[in-house]
Amino acid sequence: MEEQVVLTGGRVVDPSEGVDEIRDIGICNGQIVPPETLPNAKHVNMAGKVIVPGFIDVHVHLREPGQTHKEDIATGTAAAAAGGFTTVVSMPNTVPAMDTAERVVEFMELVAQKAKVRVLPAGAITIGRQGDVATNVKELVQAGCPVLSDDGSTPQKNGLMRSIMLAAAEAGVPVVDHCEDVSLSKPGVLHDGKIAKQLGLPGQPRSAEEVIVARDLILAKETGCHIHLQHLSSAGSVEMIRQAKRDGVNVTAEATPHHLFLTDEACVKFGTNAKMAPPLREENDRQALIEALTDGTIDMIATDHAPHTAEEKAQGWLKAPFGIVGIETVVPLCLTHLYHAGILDLNRLIALFTTGPAKLLASFCAKIGQPLGSLAMGSTGGVTVLDLEAEHTIDVRLFKSKSRNCPYDGMMCKGKVVGIY
């Protein structure tokens, strides 16, 4: 039986189509169709709401297999749906890592059984994510990986990274990189600045990120590979990417809500719930990231949703894992601190969750013959519905995620996700 719905009277904002107007949206079996072709559809009144293309998060840790005490496919995708996302890219730092076609196929079988939203698997670029031996790029792509990454780490051997990027360029898939030179970052647990000194903890300098950003941009220019740089934290990284784009390098980049809205000062208030990789840095870095959102240097916002248990986060600064959950809070935070604060207009903000991430997945979209991040006729990317004016308080007890490692609990926000289709 066909599932048909018409969303009526809502403000439709679709950057991919240049649309911002009141109009009806027809959906039939998950596909955008002309509403007039659905005479028997259920009609849902969306007056006062904003209808946008299904949001995409290109940086999510679902933790299955191997770490399901933190999160699993069912809870992670339920959290994604609650956060307004209809598509997520799952990172390969599972146990075992997504480093063979067989493991990717097994993972996608679990996805078919459990997932509440579309899940696209990132394949690892080295065996076991150990940074020593390259994976079989062609086999991973054939198994369904739209991107390749060792997220959580990066090969420290430049020659190996170059060979991986050459193989990825030949296969037509992006390499997604976590930029960290461990000879500079270890044993640091937060930004190497006054807060680290105040807390008596080892710091990570900006150079730990910037050295790898520079390397990746040089190699991308040489190999023709599409390089995507994750969770930027440094003003210096932003400026290098800005120049690389001027020079025609095939690079995209993302920022996370925690790097956009917090600095290392949060480490004093929130403790290990502000322990990130890369670390929260200083106000000039935060402002540089926001400027990069406005001028297009940064293409998308991604959450780096990283679930950990309360027990793991309670181990103290030196032992607690890096990362926080973010997929259920990012949209209210961005509506509050970017849109309502007058920093970004609504079209640009929506683009950072739709057409921006779709750039990273362009080759995948071409392969399936379907656009993501768009409400174009025939699209199967889903629909997200927003209420721009709803005032509410973030409450971690209401999360769909298994984990609660979040510094935003109790924060007032204006604007929220109503739901997804």
Protein backbone atom coordinates (compact mmCIF):
# COMPACT_ATOMS: atom_id res chain seq x y z
CA MET A 1 0.00 0.00 0.00
CA GLU A 2 1.33 3.40 -0.95
CA GLU A 3 2.15 5.84 1.85
CA GLN A 4 1.05 9.31 0.77
CA VAL A 5 1.17 12.60 2.63
CA VAL A 6 0.87 16.25 1.65
CA LEU A 7 2.45 18.86 3.91
CA THR A 8 0.34 21.99 3.51
CA GLY A 9 0.82 25.67 4.27
CA GLY A 10 4.41 25.54 5.44
CA ARG A 11 7.28 27.84 4.49
CA VAL A 12 9.50 25.76 2.19
CA VAL A 13 13.19 26.68 2.23
CA ASP A 14 15.34 24.70 -0.22
CA PRO A 15 18.75 26.20 -1.08
CA SER A 16 19.30 23.60 -3.81
CA GLU A 17 16.28 24.92 -5.72
CA GLY A 18 16.51 28.57 -4.68
CA VAL A 19 13.11 28.27 -3.00
CA ASP A 20 11.79 30.24 -0.02
CA GLU A 21 8.00 30.43 -0.18
CA ILE A 22 4.75 29.02 1.16
CA ARG A 23 3.95 25.88 -0.80
CA ASP A 24 2.71 22.31 -0.39
CA ILE A 25 5.02 19.29 -0.48
CA GLY A 26 3.85 15.88 -1.67
CA ILE A 27 5.49 12.67 -0.46
CA CYS A 28 4.71 9.22 -1.86
CA ASN A 29 6.62 6.22 -0.55
CA GLY A 30 9.45 8.43 0.59
CA GLN A 31 9.77 10.32 -2.71
CA ILE A 32 9.03 13.99 -3.35
CA VAL A 33 6.19 14.24 -5.90
CA PRO A 34 3.79 16.97 -7.05
CA PRO A 35 1.09 17.28 -4.36
CA GLU A 36 -1.66 17.43 -6.98
CA THR A 37 -0.82 13.82 -7.95
CA LEU A 38 -1.90 12.61 -4.49
CA PRO A 39 -5.68 13.12 -4.28
CA ASN A 40 -6.07 10.49 -1.55
CA ALA A 41 -3.12 11.57 0.60
CA LYS A 42 -3.23 12.47 4.26
CA HIS A 43 -2.91 16.25 4.60
CA VAL A 44 -0.82 17.66 7.46
CA ASN A 45 -1.14 21.36 8.31
CA MET A 46 2.33 22.94 8.51
CA ALA A 47 1.24 26.57 8.96
CA GLY A 48 3.88 28.42 10.96
CA LYS A 49 6.47 25.70 10.37
CA VAL A 50 9.48 25.60 8.03
CA ILE A 51 9.88 22.64 5.69
CA VAL A 52 13.42 21.95 4.48
CA PRO A 53 15.31 19.12 2.76
CA GLY A 54 16.22 16.24 5.04
CA PHE A 55 19.30 17.21 7.02
CA ILE A 56 22.56 15.28 6.50
CA ASP A 57 25.19 14.66 9.19
CA VAL A 58 28.45 13.48 7.64
CA HIS A 59 30.19 12.68 10.94
CA VAL A 60 28.44 10.28 13.32
CA HIS A 61 29.68 7.47 15.56
CA LEU A 62 27.09 4.70 15.85
CA ARG A 63 29.48 2.46 17.88
CA GLU A 64 28.11 -0.78 16.44
CA PRO A 65 29.73 -3.28 16.26
CA GLY A 66 31.92 -3.52 19.33
CA GLN A 67 30.92 -0.61 21.58
CA THR A 68 27.19 -0.94 21.93
CA HIS A 69 27.34 0.00 25.62
CA LYS A 70 27.82 3.57 24.32
CA GLU A 71 25.41 3.55 21.33
CA ASP A 72 24.08 1.24 18.65
CA ILE A 73 22.52 1.56 15.22
CA ALA A 74 18.97 1.68 16.57
CA THR A 75 19.60 4.29 19.28
CA GLY A 76 22.03 6.35 17.21
CA THR A 77 19.65 6.63 14.28
CA ALA A 78 16.71 7.33 16.60
CA ALA A 79 18.80 10.19 18.00
CA ALA A 80 19.51 11.34 14.44
CA ALA A 81 15.81 11.35 13.60
CA ALA A 82 15.03 13.31 16.77
CA GLY A 83 17.74 15.78 15.79
CA GLY A 84 16.25 16.37 12.33
CA PHE A 85 18.60 14.20 10.27
CA THR A 86 17.38 11.85 7.56
CA THR A 87 20.86 10.76 6.41
CA VAL A 88 24.02 10.12 8.44
CA VAL A 89 27.52 8.98 7.52
CA SER A 90 28.77 6.47 10.08
CA MET A 91 32.43 6.58 11.00
CA PRO A 92 34.54 3.40 10.67
CA ASN A 93 36.15 3.36 14.13
CA THR A 94 34.01 0.45 15.21
CA VAL A 95 35.42 -2.76 16.74
CA PRO A 96 36.48 -4.25 14.42
CA ALA A 97 37.05 -1.33 12.06
CA MET A 98 35.19 -1.05 8.75
CA ASP A 99 38.32 -2.01 6.83
CA THR A 100 37.08 -4.78 4.51
CA ALA A 101 34.19 -5.13 2.11
CA GLU A 102 32.88 -8.08 4.14
CA ARG A 103 32.63 -5.99 7.30
CA VAL A 104 30.87 -3.19 5.47
CA VAL A 105 28.33 -5.65 4.04
CA GLU A 106 27.70 -7.14 7.50
CA PHE A 107 27.27 -3.66 8.94
CA MET A 108 24.79 -2.66 6.27
CA GLU A 109 22.77 -5.81 6.95
CA LEU A 110 22.43 -4.60 10.54
CA VAL A 111 21.51 -1.14 9.27
CA ALA A 112 18.73 -2.63 7.14
CA GLN A 113 17.28 -4.28 10.25
CA LYS A 114 17.69 -1.48 12.79
CA ALA A 115 18.17 1.98 11.31
CA LYS A 116 15.54 4.73 11.60
CA VAL A 117 17.24 6.93 8.95
CA ARG A 118 19.50 6.40 5.95
CA VAL A 119 23.00 5.33 7.00
CA LEU A 120 25.98 5.61 4.66
CA PRO A 121 29.12 3.76 5.81
CA ALA A 122 32.58 5.33 5.72
CA GLY A 123 35.25 2.75 4.98
CA ALA A 124 38.61 2.80 6.75
CA ILE A 125 41.67 3.88 4.77
CA THR A 126 44.13 1.64 6.65
CA ILE A 127 43.83 -1.88 8.05
CA GLY A 128 42.58 -1.71 11.62
CA ARG A 129 42.90 2.08 11.36
CA GLN A 130 46.50 1.54 12.44
CA GLY A 131 47.97 3.85 9.80
CA ASP A 132 50.37 1.24 8.40
CA VAL A 133 48.75 -0.67 5.51
CA ALA A 134 46.21 0.74 3.08
CA THR A 135 42.82 -0.91 2.67
CA ASN A 136 41.44 -2.02 -0.71
CA VAL A 137 39.75 1.19 -1.86
CA LYS A 138 37.98 -0.36 -4.85
CA GLU A 139 36.44 -3.16 -2.79
CA LEU A 140 35.22 -0.76 -0.09
CA VAL A 141 33.63 1.50 -2.69
CA GLN A 142 31.98 -1.47 -4.40
CA ALA A 143 30.64 -2.58 -0.99
CA GLY A 144 28.83 0.76 -0.69
CA CYS A 145 31.21 3.20 1.01
CA PRO A 146 30.68 6.73 -0.37
CA VAL A 147 33.69 8.10 1.56
CA LEU A 148 36.90 6.75 3.13
CA SER A 149 38.35 7.75 6.49
CA ASP A 150 40.39 6.61 9.49
CA ASP A 151 38.37 9.04 11.61
CA GLY A 152 39.79 9.39 15.10
CA SER A 153 43.26 9.21 13.60
CA THR A 154 45.11 9.76 10.35
CA PRO A 155 48.11 8.01 8.77
CA GLN A 156 51.24 9.70 10.08
CA LYS A 157 53.19 8.45 7.06
CA ASN A 158 52.87 11.02 4.30
CA GLY A 159 53.80 8.60 1.53
CA LEU A 160 51.05 6.22 2.61
CA MET A 161 48.50 9.03 2.68
CA ARG A 162 49.55 10.08 -0.82
CA SER A 163 49.03 6.55 -2.17
CA ILE A 164 45.61 6.35 -0.49
CA MET A 165 44.59 9.66 -2.02
CA LEU A 166 45.71 8.54 -5.46
CA ALA A 167 43.60 5.38 -5.13
CA ALA A 168 40.62 7.37 -3.87
CA ALA A 169 40.92 9.85 -6.73
CA GLU A 170 40.93 6.96 -9.21
CA ALA A 171 37.85 5.45 -7.53
CA GLY A 172 36.08 8.84 -7.45
CA VAL A 173 35.50 8.98 -3.69
CA PRO A 174 36.56 11.58 -1.11
CA VAL A 175 39.06 10.98 1.66
CA VAL A 176 37.72 12.32 4.97
CA ASP A 177 40.49 13.21 7.40
CA HIS A 178 40.90 13.78 11.12
CA CYS A 179 43.87 16.16 11.10
CA GLU A 180 46.19 15.33 13.99
CA ASP A 181 49.96 14.97 14.09
CA VAL A 182 50.34 12.77 17.17
CA SER A 183 53.98 13.76 17.64
CA LEU A 184 52.63 17.24 18.40
CA SER A 185 49.29 16.41 20.07
CA LYS A 186 50.24 13.67 22.52
CA PRO A 187 49.87 13.54 25.51
CA GLY A 188 47.71 16.69 25.36
CA VAL A 189 44.11 16.54 26.51
CA LEU A 190 42.95 20.12 25.84
CA HIS A 191 44.15 23.23 24.01
CA ASP A 192 47.68 24.32 24.81
CA GLY A 193 46.81 27.66 26.37
CA LYS A 194 46.12 29.43 29.63
CA ILE A 195 43.35 27.03 30.68
CA ALA A 196 45.66 24.03 30.33
CA LYS A 197 48.21 25.82 32.47
CA GLN A 198 45.52 26.80 34.99
CA LEU A 199 44.38 23.18 35.28
CA GLY A 200 47.91 21.79 35.23
CA LEU A 201 47.17 19.56 32.22
CA PRO A 202 49.18 18.80 29.05
CA GLY A 203 48.00 20.76 26.03
CA GLN A 204 47.64 20.23 22.28
CA PRO A 205 48.98 23.12 20.16
CA ARG A 206 47.21 24.36 17.04
CA SER A 207 50.16 23.07 15.02
CA ALA A 208 49.04 19.47 15.71
CA GLU A 209 46.03 20.13 13.46
CA GLU A 210 47.56 22.65 11.10
CA VAL A 211 50.53 20.51 10.02
CA ILE A 212 48.17 17.77 8.79
CA VAL A 213 45.80 20.27 7.17
CA ALA A 214 48.75 21.64 5.22
CA ARG A 215 49.91 18.15 4.25
CA ASP A 216 46.45 17.10 3.09
CA LEU A 217 45.96 20.22 0.99
CA ILE A 218 49.33 19.76 -0.69
CA LEU A 219 48.58 16.10 -1.44
CA ALA A 220 45.05 16.87 -2.66
CA LYS A 221 46.42 19.43 -5.09
CA GLU A 222 48.99 16.95 -6.36
CA THR A 223 46.74 13.88 -6.59
CA GLY A 224 43.44 15.47 -7.58
CA CYS A 225 41.74 13.73 -4.66
CA HIS A 226 38.70 15.30 -3.02
CA ILE A 227 39.90 15.87 0.55
CA HIS A 228 37.37 16.60 3.28
CA LEU A 229 38.73 18.03 6.52
CA GLN A 230 36.82 17.23 9.68
CA HIS A 231 35.96 19.20 12.84
CA LEU A 232 38.24 22.18 12.25
CA SER A 233 39.33 24.00 15.41
CA SER A 234 42.07 26.44 14.41
CA ALA A 235 42.04 29.85 12.75
CA GLY A 236 45.22 28.84 10.94
CA SER A 237 43.51 25.80 9.40
CA VAL A 238 40.67 27.98 8.18
CA GLU A 239 43.01 30.38 6.42
CA MET A 240 44.90 27.56 4.69
CA ILE A 241 41.64 26.08 3.39
CA ARG A 242 40.44 29.49 2.23
CA GLN A 243 43.62 29.91 0.18
CA ALA A 244 43.47 26.32 -1.13
CA LYS A 245 39.96 26.93 -2.42
CA ARG A 246 41.19 30.06 -4.20
CA ASP A 247 43.89 27.87 -5.75
CA GLY A 248 41.34 25.35 -7.03
CA VAL A 249 42.12 22.50 -4.63
CA ASN A 250 39.23 20.02 -4.36
CA VAL A 251 38.61 20.48 -0.63
CA THR A 252 35.54 20.61 1.57
CA ALA A 253 35.48 21.22 5.31
CA GLU A 254 33.22 20.94 8.32
CA ALA A 255 32.80 22.61 11.70
CA THR A 256 31.12 21.13 14.76
CA PRO A 257 28.71 22.93 17.09
CA HIS A 258 31.11 22.58 20.02
CA HIS A 259 33.92 24.35 18.18
CA LEU A 260 31.47 27.02 17.01
CA PHE A 261 29.87 27.76 20.38
CA LEU A 262 32.44 26.84 23.05
CA THR A 263 36.05 27.71 23.86
CA ASP A 264 38.60 26.11 26.17
CA GLU A 265 37.04 28.19 28.97
CA ALA A 266 34.28 25.53 28.93
CA CYS A 267 36.81 22.99 30.20
CA VAL A 268 36.69 24.65 33.61
CA LYS A 269 32.88 24.60 33.81
CA PHE A 270 32.05 21.27 32.18
CA GLY A 271 35.12 19.16 32.93
CA THR A 272 35.60 16.13 30.69
CA ASN A 273 32.30 16.84 28.90
CA ALA A 274 34.36 19.56 27.21
CA LYS A 275 37.21 17.17 26.31
CA MET A 276 37.23 17.06 22.50
CA ALA A 277 39.52 15.95 19.70
CA PRO A 278 40.60 18.37 18.36
CA PRO A 279 40.31 20.41 21.55
CA LEU A 280 38.18 23.48 22.11
CA ARG A 281 40.44 26.43 21.41
CA GLU A 282 40.30 30.18 22.01
CA GLU A 283 37.86 32.93 21.06
CA ASN A 284 39.82 34.04 17.99
CA ASP A 285 39.63 30.47 16.64
CA ARG A 286 35.88 30.32 17.31
CA GLN A 287 35.32 33.62 15.52
CA ALA A 288 37.41 32.42 12.57
CA LEU A 289 35.20 29.33 12.25
CA ILE A 290 32.03 31.43 12.28
CA GLU A 291 33.45 33.78 9.65
CA ALA A 292 34.31 30.72 7.55
CA LEU A 293 30.68 29.59 7.72
CA THR A 294 29.52 32.96 6.41
CA ASP A 295 31.98 33.20 3.51
CA GLY A 296 31.75 29.56 2.36
CA THR A 297 35.23 28.45 3.41
CA ILE A 298 33.54 25.87 5.63
CA ASP A 299 30.94 23.96 3.65
CA MET A 300 28.90 22.21 6.32
CA ILE A 301 28.13 21.70 9.99
CA ALA A 302 28.63 18.15 11.27
CA THR A 303 28.15 16.92 14.81
CA ASP A 304 30.96 14.41 15.41
CA HIS A 305 28.32 12.69 17.58
CA ALA A 306 30.56 10.72 19.95
CA PRO A 307 28.68 8.79 22.63
CA HIS A 308 30.52 7.70 25.82
CA THR A 309 29.19 6.40 29.12
CA ALA A 310 29.13 8.48 32.30
CA GLU A 311 31.61 6.04 33.84
CA GLU A 312 34.07 6.54 30.99
CA LYS A 313 33.79 10.32 31.19
CA ALA A 314 34.24 10.20 34.99
CA GLN A 315 37.80 8.85 34.70
CA GLY A 316 39.35 12.32 34.82
CA TRP A 317 41.08 14.46 32.22
CA LEU A 318 43.99 12.13 31.52
CA LYS A 319 41.94 8.96 31.01
CA ALA A 320 38.46 10.03 29.89
CA PRO A 321 37.73 9.58 26.15
CA PHE A 322 37.45 12.55 23.79
CA GLY A 323 34.07 13.67 22.44
CA ILE A 324 30.42 14.48 23.19
CA VAL A 325 27.00 13.60 21.83
CA GLY A 326 25.63 16.31 19.56
CA ILE A 327 23.13 15.07 17.03
CA GLU A 328 20.05 15.93 19.13
CA THR A 329 21.21 19.43 20.11
CA VAL A 330 22.91 20.87 17.03
CA VAL A 331 19.84 22.30 15.27
CA PRO A 332 18.45 24.18 18.31
CA LEU A 333 21.94 25.48 19.09
CA CYS A 334 22.45 26.72 15.54
CA LEU A 335 19.01 28.28 15.31
CA THR A 336 19.64 30.07 18.60
CA HIS A 337 23.26 31.18 18.19
CA LEU A 338 23.55 31.60 14.41
CA TYR A 339 20.08 32.35 12.99
CA HIS A 340 18.36 34.24 15.81
CA ALA A 341 21.66 35.93 16.67
CA GLY A 342 21.66 37.42 13.16
CA ILE A 343 24.94 35.78 12.10
CA LEU A 344 23.47 33.61 9.32
CA ASP A 345 20.25 33.96 7.38
CA LEU A 346 17.97 30.95 7.25
CA ASN A 347 18.89 29.96 3.70
CA ARG A 348 22.61 29.79 4.55
CA LEU A 349 22.00 27.87 7.76
CA ILE A 350 19.82 25.31 5.97
CA ALA A 351 22.49 24.98 3.27
CA LEU A 352 25.06 24.01 5.91
CA PHE A 353 22.93 20.95 6.71
CA THR A 354 21.80 20.13 3.15
CA THR A 355 23.59 21.32 0.01
CA GLY A 356 26.86 21.63 1.93
CA PRO A 357 27.03 17.98 3.06
CA ALA A 358 25.70 16.94 -0.35
CA LYS A 359 28.97 18.24 -1.84
CA LEU A 360 30.84 15.53 0.06
CA LEU A 361 28.37 12.90 -1.18
CA ALA A 362 28.15 14.17 -4.77
CA SER A 363 29.72 11.08 -6.34
CA PHE A 364 27.42 8.81 -4.32
CA CYS A 365 24.36 10.83 -5.36
CA ALA A 366 25.42 10.59 -8.99
CA LYS A 367 25.81 6.83 -8.63
CA ILE A 368 22.31 6.31 -7.20
CA GLY A 369 20.82 8.95 -9.50
CA GLN A 370 19.19 10.77 -6.59
CA PRO A 371 20.00 14.14 -5.05
CA LEU A 372 20.42 14.44 -1.29
CA GLY A 373 19.85 17.72 0.54
CA SER A 374 17.13 18.72 -1.92
CA LEU A 375 13.35 18.81 -2.27
CA ALA A 376 13.56 18.50 -6.05
CA MET A 377 10.92 16.26 -7.61
CA GLY A 378 11.98 12.65 -7.34
CA SER A 379 14.28 13.22 -4.38
CA THR A 380 14.35 10.50 -1.72
CA GLY A 381 16.48 12.42 0.77
CA GLY A 382 13.65 13.07 3.18
CA VAL A 383 12.10 16.16 4.74
CA THR A 384 12.87 17.99 7.98
CA VAL A 385 10.33 20.25 9.69
CA LEU A 386 11.38 23.12 11.96
CA ASP A 387 9.68 25.50 14.36
CA LEU A 388 11.86 28.61 14.39
CA GLU A 389 10.18 30.24 17.39
CA ALA A 390 9.72 27.39 19.86
CA GLU A 391 11.52 28.12 23.12
CA HIS A 392 12.72 25.12 25.11
CA THR A 393 15.44 23.84 27.41
CA ILE A 394 17.87 21.09 26.44
CA ASP A 395 17.27 18.09 28.71
CA VAL A 396 19.68 15.16 28.36
CA ARG A 397 17.15 12.89 30.10
CA LEU A 398 14.99 13.11 26.96
CA PHE A 399 17.74 12.04 24.54
CA LYS A 400 17.17 9.04 22.29
CA SER A 401 20.91 8.36 22.44
CA LYS A 402 22.18 5.88 25.02
CA SER A 403 24.75 8.42 26.20
CA ARG A 404 24.45 11.74 28.01
CA ASN A 405 27.96 13.18 27.65
CA CYS A 406 26.79 16.68 26.77
CA PRO A 407 27.74 20.13 28.12
CA TYR A 408 24.49 21.76 26.96
CA ASP A 409 22.11 20.27 29.54
CA GLY A 410 19.80 22.99 30.86
CA MET A 411 20.64 25.47 28.08
CA MET A 412 17.74 27.60 26.78
CA CYS A 413 17.21 27.54 23.03
CA LYS A 414 14.92 29.21 20.52
CA GLY A 415 13.98 27.00 17.58
CA LYS A 416 13.63 23.25 17.39
CA VAL A 417 13.06 20.25 15.17
CA VAL A 418 9.39 19.26 14.84
CA GLY A 419 10.11 15.99 13.04
CA ILE A 420 11.23 14.29 9.86
CA TYR A 421 9.54 12.49 6.99
